[in-house]
């Protein structure tokens, strides 16, 4: 996002794969190794796995990390790939294949508390941009900006980035300051993953599972898809951390690190619930047949005596 100095508005930059740096065969080999391993790797580990000279690996990793497009350096000196499946497709991580089931976020609450004590307006208003609705509250008493963001299908990395840019722009217009991503807090967030409808939840509208005191998992039918939804119960994240997670980065809070594992296990849960539903149907049918049999026996015996 860039700001137009003339009016303070954010301009929508349409980034496509044609604007990305071209990968050399060596860079592609390094990225494919990071993608295949699915975990942070040190330059030495990459060198051992690829056979590329250690100094060459270090040079390429440093260059790609500075570009901020393909790899991300984590705090302990390792590197991780930014996004999954992007090496072979040469697509940026913020343009996921819409046919795949991707992680998204919705039902968000953003907060920002600037270090100012005067000229803080008292405002409350709503704005809608596309399918995303924003509800802003500028609280003069507690000197805090709160924004509730609603989007039915959920926001991917690109959508979330636009939402954050819009939030910053509104703060700029009313307070004259622009918050950075690390001081914008996400007080509430729900993650969702929509899968093509492969099975039906007959007799069950929604499955809700509480995972210790960490999160609530809900599974329900939404249109022609099954939505798997997770809401962390504790912890406040920054916008920067949520963006890192949506990009495929792994340097984020522990709750989000666990969400991927939760999502992979929910289909087993649905299969189990479906089996219970079918069993309940059989029990209901057997009870009906038993009642009919008892009724027939009573009729044969002359009915109830008075």
Protein backbone atom coordinates (compact mmCIF):
# COMPACT_ATOMS: atom_id res chain seq x y z
CA UNK A 1 0.00 0.00 0.00
CA UNK A 2 1.17 3.52 -0.76
CA UNK A 3 -0.21 6.78 0.46
CA UNK A 4 -0.96 9.62 -1.92
CA UNK A 5 0.65 12.63 -0.28
CA UNK A 6 -1.87 14.97 -1.87
CA UNK A 7 -4.91 13.68 -0.02
CA UNK A 8 -3.72 11.04 2.44
CA UNK A 9 -5.68 8.30 0.67
CA UNK A 10 -4.35 4.80 0.14
CA UNK A 11 -4.01 3.64 -3.43
CA UNK A 12 -4.87 0.08 -4.39
CA UNK A 13 -1.78 -1.51 -5.91
CA UNK A 14 -2.63 -4.46 -8.14
CA UNK A 15 0.31 -6.82 -7.70
CA UNK A 16 0.55 -9.68 -10.18
CA UNK A 17 3.09 -12.41 -10.81
CA UNK A 18 4.52 -10.33 -13.65
CA UNK A 19 5.76 -7.77 -11.09
CA UNK A 20 7.64 -10.41 -9.08
CA UNK A 21 11.37 -11.03 -9.50
CA UNK A 22 12.19 -13.95 -11.81
CA UNK A 23 13.60 -16.99 -10.03
CA UNK A 24 16.91 -18.47 -11.08
CA UNK A 25 17.23 -22.29 -11.11
CA UNK A 26 19.31 -22.08 -7.90
CA UNK A 27 16.73 -19.88 -6.16
CA UNK A 28 13.94 -22.19 -7.24
CA UNK A 29 15.82 -25.22 -5.88
CA UNK A 30 16.26 -23.48 -2.52
CA UNK A 31 12.59 -22.51 -2.36
CA UNK A 32 11.42 -25.98 -3.39
CA UNK A 33 13.49 -27.42 -0.54
CA UNK A 34 11.95 -25.01 1.98
CA UNK A 35 8.49 -25.82 0.66
CA UNK A 36 9.05 -29.58 0.71
CA UNK A 37 10.46 -29.64 4.25
CA UNK A 38 7.64 -27.45 5.58
CA UNK A 39 9.71 -26.05 8.46
CA UNK A 40 12.37 -23.37 9.07
CA UNK A 41 15.81 -24.34 7.75
CA UNK A 42 19.25 -22.90 8.37
CA UNK A 43 21.51 -22.10 5.40
CA UNK A 44 23.66 -25.10 6.35
CA UNK A 45 20.65 -27.45 6.33
CA UNK A 46 19.59 -26.13 2.93
CA UNK A 47 23.13 -26.56 1.63
CA UNK A 48 23.21 -30.18 2.83
CA UNK A 49 19.79 -30.96 1.33
CA UNK A 50 20.41 -29.30 -2.05
CA UNK A 51 24.14 -29.71 -2.57
CA UNK A 52 24.45 -25.97 -3.22
CA UNK A 53 27.52 -24.29 -1.73
CA UNK A 54 26.85 -22.80 1.71
CA UNK A 55 28.00 -19.29 0.75
CA UNK A 56 25.76 -19.36 -2.33
CA UNK A 57 22.77 -20.38 -0.20
CA UNK A 58 23.46 -17.56 2.25
CA UNK A 59 23.72 -14.97 -0.52
CA UNK A 60 20.46 -16.03 -2.19
CA UNK A 61 18.54 -16.30 1.10
CA UNK A 62 19.69 -12.85 2.19
CA UNK A 63 18.70 -11.37 -1.16
CA UNK A 64 15.25 -12.98 -1.22
CA UNK A 65 14.58 -12.07 2.43
CA UNK A 66 15.37 -8.41 1.69
CA UNK A 67 12.97 -8.50 -1.27
CA UNK A 68 10.32 -9.78 1.14
CA UNK A 69 8.62 -11.82 -1.57
CA UNK A 70 9.56 -15.47 -1.28
CA UNK A 71 11.26 -16.15 2.05
CA UNK A 72 11.12 -14.82 5.59
CA UNK A 73 13.94 -14.89 8.11
CA UNK A 74 12.93 -16.02 11.59
CA UNK A 75 14.53 -14.94 14.83
CA UNK A 76 16.80 -17.93 15.34
CA UNK A 77 18.64 -17.52 12.02
CA UNK A 78 16.51 -19.90 10.00
CA UNK A 79 14.43 -19.20 6.93
CA UNK A 80 10.92 -20.21 5.97
CA UNK A 81 9.00 -19.92 2.74
CA UNK A 82 6.24 -17.31 2.52
CA UNK A 83 3.17 -19.30 1.45
CA UNK A 84 2.56 -22.83 0.21
CA UNK A 85 2.60 -24.04 -3.37
CA UNK A 86 3.92 -20.74 -4.67
CA UNK A 87 7.22 -22.00 -6.08
CA UNK A 88 5.80 -24.17 -8.83
CA UNK A 89 3.01 -21.74 -9.66
CA UNK A 90 5.20 -18.61 -9.38
CA UNK A 91 2.34 -16.87 -7.59
CA UNK A 92 2.72 -14.51 -4.63
CA UNK A 93 1.39 -15.75 -1.29
CA UNK A 94 -1.35 -13.12 -1.24
CA UNK A 95 -3.00 -14.53 -4.38
CA UNK A 96 -4.07 -18.05 -3.34
CA UNK A 97 -5.83 -20.41 -5.70
CA UNK A 98 -9.50 -19.81 -4.99
CA UNK A 99 -10.37 -23.43 -5.80
CA UNK A 100 -8.38 -24.59 -2.80
CA UNK A 101 -9.60 -24.39 0.77
CA UNK A 102 -7.64 -21.46 2.20
CA UNK A 103 -7.45 -20.05 5.68
CA UNK A 104 -9.28 -16.76 6.09
CA UNK A 105 -10.22 -14.48 8.95
CA UNK A 106 -13.52 -12.81 9.75
CA UNK A 107 -15.40 -11.22 12.66
CA UNK A 108 -12.40 -9.10 13.63
CA UNK A 109 -11.97 -6.46 16.32
CA UNK A 110 -9.05 -4.05 15.91
CA UNK A 111 -7.90 -1.64 18.60
CA UNK A 112 -5.35 1.16 18.69
CA UNK A 113 -4.46 3.36 21.67
CA UNK A 114 -2.35 6.36 20.58
CA UNK A 115 -0.14 8.22 23.01
CA UNK A 116 -2.09 11.47 22.84
CA UNK A 117 -4.05 13.17 25.59
CA UNK A 118 -5.91 15.94 23.80
CA UNK A 119 -7.89 16.57 20.62
CA UNK A 120 -9.30 13.05 20.65
CA UNK A 121 -12.72 13.04 18.92
CA UNK A 122 -15.75 11.11 20.09
CA UNK A 123 -17.05 9.36 16.96
CA UNK A 124 -19.01 6.29 15.94
CA UNK A 125 -19.83 5.41 12.35
CA UNK A 126 -20.07 2.58 9.81
CA UNK A 127 -18.63 2.19 6.34
CA UNK A 128 -18.95 -0.59 3.80
CA UNK A 129 -16.42 -1.30 1.07
CA UNK A 130 -17.35 -4.19 -1.19
CA UNK A 131 -18.37 -7.12 1.01
CA UNK A 132 -16.54 -5.79 4.07
CA UNK A 133 -18.32 -3.72 6.70
CA UNK A 134 -16.44 -1.53 9.18
CA UNK A 135 -17.82 -0.13 12.44
CA UNK A 136 -15.55 2.52 13.97
CA UNK A 137 -15.62 3.94 17.47
CA UNK A 138 -13.27 6.71 18.58
CA UNK A 139 -13.56 6.72 22.35
CA UNK A 140 -12.55 10.09 23.77
CA UNK A 141 -12.79 8.81 27.35
CA UNK A 142 -10.35 5.89 27.08
CA UNK A 143 -8.42 7.36 24.13
CA UNK A 144 -8.88 4.23 22.03
CA UNK A 145 -9.91 3.50 18.46
CA UNK A 146 -11.94 0.33 18.00
CA UNK A 147 -13.02 -1.15 14.68
CA UNK A 148 -15.25 -4.17 14.16
CA UNK A 149 -14.75 -5.77 10.74
CA UNK A 150 -17.30 -8.16 9.26
CA UNK A 151 -16.88 -10.16 6.06
CA UNK A 152 -19.07 -13.20 5.47
CA UNK A 153 -16.64 -15.20 3.31
CA UNK A 154 -13.58 -14.15 5.30
CA UNK A 155 -10.49 -12.15 4.39
CA UNK A 156 -7.33 -13.67 2.93
CA UNK A 157 -3.94 -11.97 3.18
CA UNK A 158 -4.77 -9.44 0.47
CA UNK A 159 -8.19 -8.64 1.94
CA UNK A 160 -6.83 -8.33 5.46
CA UNK A 161 -4.04 -6.05 4.22
CA UNK A 162 -6.62 -3.78 2.58
CA UNK A 163 -8.65 -3.74 5.80
CA UNK A 164 -5.61 -2.73 7.84
CA UNK A 165 -4.72 -0.01 5.31
CA UNK A 166 -8.28 1.34 5.49
CA UNK A 167 -8.14 1.31 9.31
CA UNK A 168 -4.87 3.26 9.23
CA UNK A 169 -6.35 5.77 6.80
CA UNK A 170 -9.36 6.43 9.05
CA UNK A 171 -7.07 6.93 12.04
CA UNK A 172 -4.94 9.31 9.97
CA UNK A 173 -7.97 11.37 8.94
CA UNK A 174 -9.26 11.86 12.50
CA UNK A 175 -6.08 11.83 14.61
CA UNK A 176 -3.35 12.88 12.19
CA UNK A 177 -1.18 9.87 13.01
CA UNK A 178 -0.62 6.57 11.23
CA UNK A 179 -0.23 3.47 13.42
CA UNK A 180 2.18 0.71 12.44
CA UNK A 181 1.10 -2.92 12.22
CA UNK A 182 2.82 -3.87 15.47
CA UNK A 183 0.68 -1.47 17.54
CA UNK A 184 -2.66 -2.36 15.96
CA UNK A 185 -4.06 -5.10 18.16
CA UNK A 186 -6.48 -7.82 17.06
CA UNK A 187 -8.59 -8.31 20.17
CA UNK A 188 -10.92 -10.79 18.49
CA UNK A 189 -10.58 -12.95 15.39
CA UNK A 190 -12.23 -16.01 13.92
CA UNK A 191 -10.50 -18.14 11.31
CA UNK A 192 -12.39 -20.15 8.75
CA UNK A 193 -11.73 -22.68 6.02
CA UNK A 194 -14.47 -23.51 3.53
CA UNK A 195 -14.35 -26.94 1.86
CA UNK A 196 -16.39 -28.15 -1.08
CA UNK A 197 -19.41 -30.08 0.19
CA UNK A 198 -18.34 -33.74 0.13
CA UNK A 199 -20.60 -35.03 2.89
CA UNK A 200 -23.81 -33.96 4.59
CA UNK A 201 -24.47 -33.26 8.24
CA UNK A 202 -27.85 -34.99 8.25
CA UNK A 203 -29.72 -34.22 11.43
CA UNK A 204 -26.96 -31.94 12.72
CA UNK A 205 -26.99 -28.18 12.17
CA UNK A 206 -23.69 -27.41 13.83
CA UNK A 207 -20.89 -29.20 15.66
CA UNK A 208 -19.13 -27.24 18.39
CA UNK A 209 -16.05 -28.57 20.14
CA UNK A 210 -14.12 -26.87 22.93
CA UNK A 211 -10.39 -27.62 22.81
CA UNK A 212 -9.25 -27.25 26.41
CA UNK A 213 -9.32 -23.52 27.15
CA UNK A 214 -7.62 -22.59 23.88
CA UNK A 215 -10.28 -22.39 21.21
CA UNK A 216 -13.78 -23.23 20.05
CA UNK A 217 -14.14 -25.22 16.82
CA UNK A 218 -17.42 -25.06 14.90
CA UNK A 219 -18.35 -27.08 11.81
CA UNK A 220 -21.49 -26.28 9.86
CA UNK A 221 -22.95 -26.22 6.37
CA UNK A 222 -22.69 -22.89 4.56
CA UNK A 223 -24.22 -22.86 1.10
CA UNK A 224 -22.61 -25.58 -0.99
CA UNK A 225 -19.64 -25.86 1.36
CA UNK A 226 -18.73 -27.04 4.82
CA UNK A 227 -17.23 -24.31 6.99
CA UNK A 228 -14.68 -25.17 9.65
CA UNK A 229 -14.32 -22.25 12.00
CA UNK A 230 -11.97 -21.64 14.93
CA UNK A 231 -12.11 -18.87 17.50
CA UNK A 232 -9.13 -18.57 19.86
CA UNK A 233 -10.39 -18.01 23.41
CA UNK A 234 -7.36 -16.26 24.83
CA UNK A 235 -4.60 -13.98 23.75
CA UNK A 236 -4.35 -10.72 21.83
CA UNK A 237 -2.40 -10.59 18.59
CA UNK A 238 -1.06 -7.75 16.52
CA UNK A 239 -2.04 -7.08 12.92
CA UNK A 240 1.54 -7.93 12.01
CA UNK A 241 1.21 -11.42 13.52
CA UNK A 242 -2.08 -12.14 11.77
CA UNK A 243 -0.61 -11.04 8.44
CA UNK A 244 2.40 -13.29 8.98
CA UNK A 245 0.11 -16.25 9.62
CA UNK A 246 -2.06 -15.54 6.55
CA UNK A 247 1.12 -15.30 4.45
CA UNK A 248 2.21 -18.72 5.59
CA UNK A 249 4.84 -17.42 8.00
CA UNK A 250 5.28 -19.39 11.20
CA UNK A 251 6.66 -16.73 13.53
CA UNK A 252 3.32 -15.99 15.19
CA UNK A 253 1.58 -16.66 18.48
CA UNK A 254 1.13 -20.20 19.80
CA UNK A 255 -2.64 -20.20 19.32
CA UNK A 256 -2.37 -19.66 15.58
CA UNK A 257 0.38 -22.27 15.36
CA UNK A 258 -2.14 -24.84 16.65
CA UNK A 259 -4.98 -23.86 14.32
CA UNK A 260 -3.61 -25.73 11.31
CA UNK A 261 -3.48 -28.95 13.30
CA UNK A 262 -7.02 -28.39 14.56
CA UNK A 263 -8.32 -27.88 11.03
CA UNK A 264 -6.77 -31.13 9.79
CA UNK A 265 -8.50 -33.12 12.53
CA UNK A 266 -11.99 -31.71 12.12
CA UNK A 267 -12.96 -33.99 9.22
CA UNK A 268 -12.38 -37.02 11.45
CA UNK A 269 -14.69 -35.40 13.97
CA UNK A 270 -17.36 -34.90 11.32
CA UNK A 271 -17.07 -38.53 10.22
CA UNK A 272 -17.59 -39.62 13.82
CA UNK A 273 -20.63 -37.38 14.24
CA UNK A 274 -22.12 -38.70 11.00
CA UNK A 275 -21.73 -42.25 12.30
CA UNK A 276 -23.52 -41.26 15.51
CA UNK A 277 -26.31 -39.63 13.49
CA UNK A 278 -26.80 -42.79 11.42
CA UNK A 279 -26.79 -44.90 14.58
CA UNK A 280 -29.42 -42.63 16.13
CA UNK A 281 -31.57 -43.03 13.02
CA UNK A 282 -31.38 -46.81 13.35
CA UNK A 283 -32.27 -46.61 17.05
CA UNK A 284 -35.27 -44.39 16.27
CA UNK A 285 -36.45 -46.84 13.60
CA UNK A 286 -35.99 -49.81 15.94
CA UNK A 287 -37.96 -48.01 18.66
CA UNK A 288 -40.75 -47.30 16.19
CA UNK A 289 -40.89 -50.94 15.15
CA UNK A 290 -40.89 -52.03 18.82
CA UNK A 291 -43.77 -49.69 19.63
CA UNK A 292 -45.76 -51.06 16.69
CA UNK A 293 -45.06 -54.62 17.82
CA UNK A 294 -46.19 -53.86 21.40
CA UNK A 295 -49.30 -52.13 20.07
CA UNK A 296 -50.16 -55.18 17.93
CA UNK A 297 -49.61 -57.53 20.89
CA UNK A 298 -51.95 -55.43 23.02
CA UNK A 299 -54.59 -55.53 20.29
CA UNK A 300 -54.28 -59.32 20.03
CA UNK A 301 -54.65 -59.63 23.81
CA UNK A 302 -57.87 -57.61 23.71
CA UNK A 303 -56.53 -54.21 24.54
CA UNK A 304 -56.13 -52.62 27.95
CA UNK A 305 -58.51 -53.81 30.67
CA UNK A 306 -60.59 -51.14 32.34
